[in-house]
Amino acid sequence: MSEKSEGASRRDFLKLAGTTAPVAAVALAASSDTAEASPVDLSSDKMQDTAHTRAYLDSARF
């Protein structure tokens, strides 16, 4: 087990994954959609883009 392989090792991959995951999370949080929801159209029976539906969809995200 003392031989070093030519390709990237598992340890190198884990080091890279450990540093890039927080950076990706910050980038994702910074680019979140901050547009306001549309006003409610009571004549429509379709799902509408409101603050309530956005809050639900955000809470259901994994």
Protein backbone atom coordinates (compact mmCIF):
# COMPACT_ATOMS: atom_id res chain seq x y z
CA MET A 1 0.00 0.00 0.00
CA SER A 2 3.02 2.29 0.03
CA GLU A 3 2.90 2.71 -3.75
CA LYS A 4 1.56 6.00 -5.05
CA SER A 5 -0.71 5.72 -8.06
CA GLU A 6 -0.28 8.02 -11.05
CA GLY A 7 -3.86 9.37 -11.01
CA ALA A 8 -5.54 11.46 -8.34
CA SER A 9 -5.88 9.61 -5.08
CA ARG A 10 -8.98 9.26 -2.97
CA ARG A 11 -7.46 11.58 -0.37
CA ASP A 12 -6.88 14.30 -3.00
CA PHE A 13 -10.49 13.96 -4.12
CA LEU A 14 -11.79 14.30 -0.56
CA LYS A 15 -9.63 17.38 0.04
CA LEU A 16 -11.00 18.99 -3.10
CA ALA A 17 -14.60 18.03 -2.30
CA GLY A 18 -14.27 19.40 1.22
CA THR A 19 -13.16 22.81 -0.02
CA THR A 20 -15.48 23.19 -2.99
CA ALA A 21 -18.74 22.20 -1.26
CA PRO A 22 -18.92 25.31 0.97
CA VAL A 23 -18.00 27.53 -1.97
CA ALA A 24 -20.79 26.02 -4.06
CA ALA A 25 -23.29 26.49 -1.23
CA VAL A 26 -22.38 30.17 -0.88
CA ALA A 27 -22.64 30.69 -4.63
CA LEU A 28 -26.04 29.01 -4.70
CA ALA A 29 -27.31 31.12 -1.81
CA ALA A 30 -26.03 34.32 -3.41
CA SER A 31 -27.76 33.60 -6.70
CA SER A 32 -31.18 32.77 -5.23
CA ASP A 33 -34.24 34.13 -6.95
CA THR A 34 -35.33 37.31 -5.18
CA ALA A 35 -38.04 38.42 -7.59
CA GLU A 36 -41.36 39.27 -6.00
CA ALA A 37 -44.38 37.05 -6.38
CA SER A 38 -47.23 37.97 -8.71
CA PRO A 39 -50.54 39.29 -7.42
CA VAL A 40 -53.26 36.68 -6.94
CA ASP A 41 -55.70 36.18 -9.84
CA LEU A 42 -58.91 34.90 -8.24
CA SER A 43 -60.51 34.03 -11.59
CA SER A 44 -57.83 31.41 -12.35
CA ASP A 45 -58.01 27.85 -11.04
CA LYS A 46 -54.33 27.10 -11.75
CA MET A 47 -51.50 27.19 -9.22
CA GLN A 48 -50.25 30.75 -8.93
CA ASP A 49 -46.90 32.27 -8.09
CA THR A 50 -47.52 33.81 -4.67
CA ALA A 51 -45.42 34.33 -1.57
CA HIS A 52 -47.13 31.33 0.04
CA THR A 53 -46.37 28.97 -2.84
CA ARG A 54 -42.75 30.18 -2.98
CA ALA A 55 -42.35 29.62 0.77
CA TYR A 56 -43.77 26.10 0.44
CA LEU A 57 -41.58 25.20 -2.51
CA ASP A 58 -38.49 26.57 -0.74
CA SER A 59 -39.25 24.55 2.38
CA ALA A 60 -39.83 21.38 0.35
CA ARG A 61 -36.46 21.67 -1.41
CA PHE A 62 -33.77 19.22 -0.32
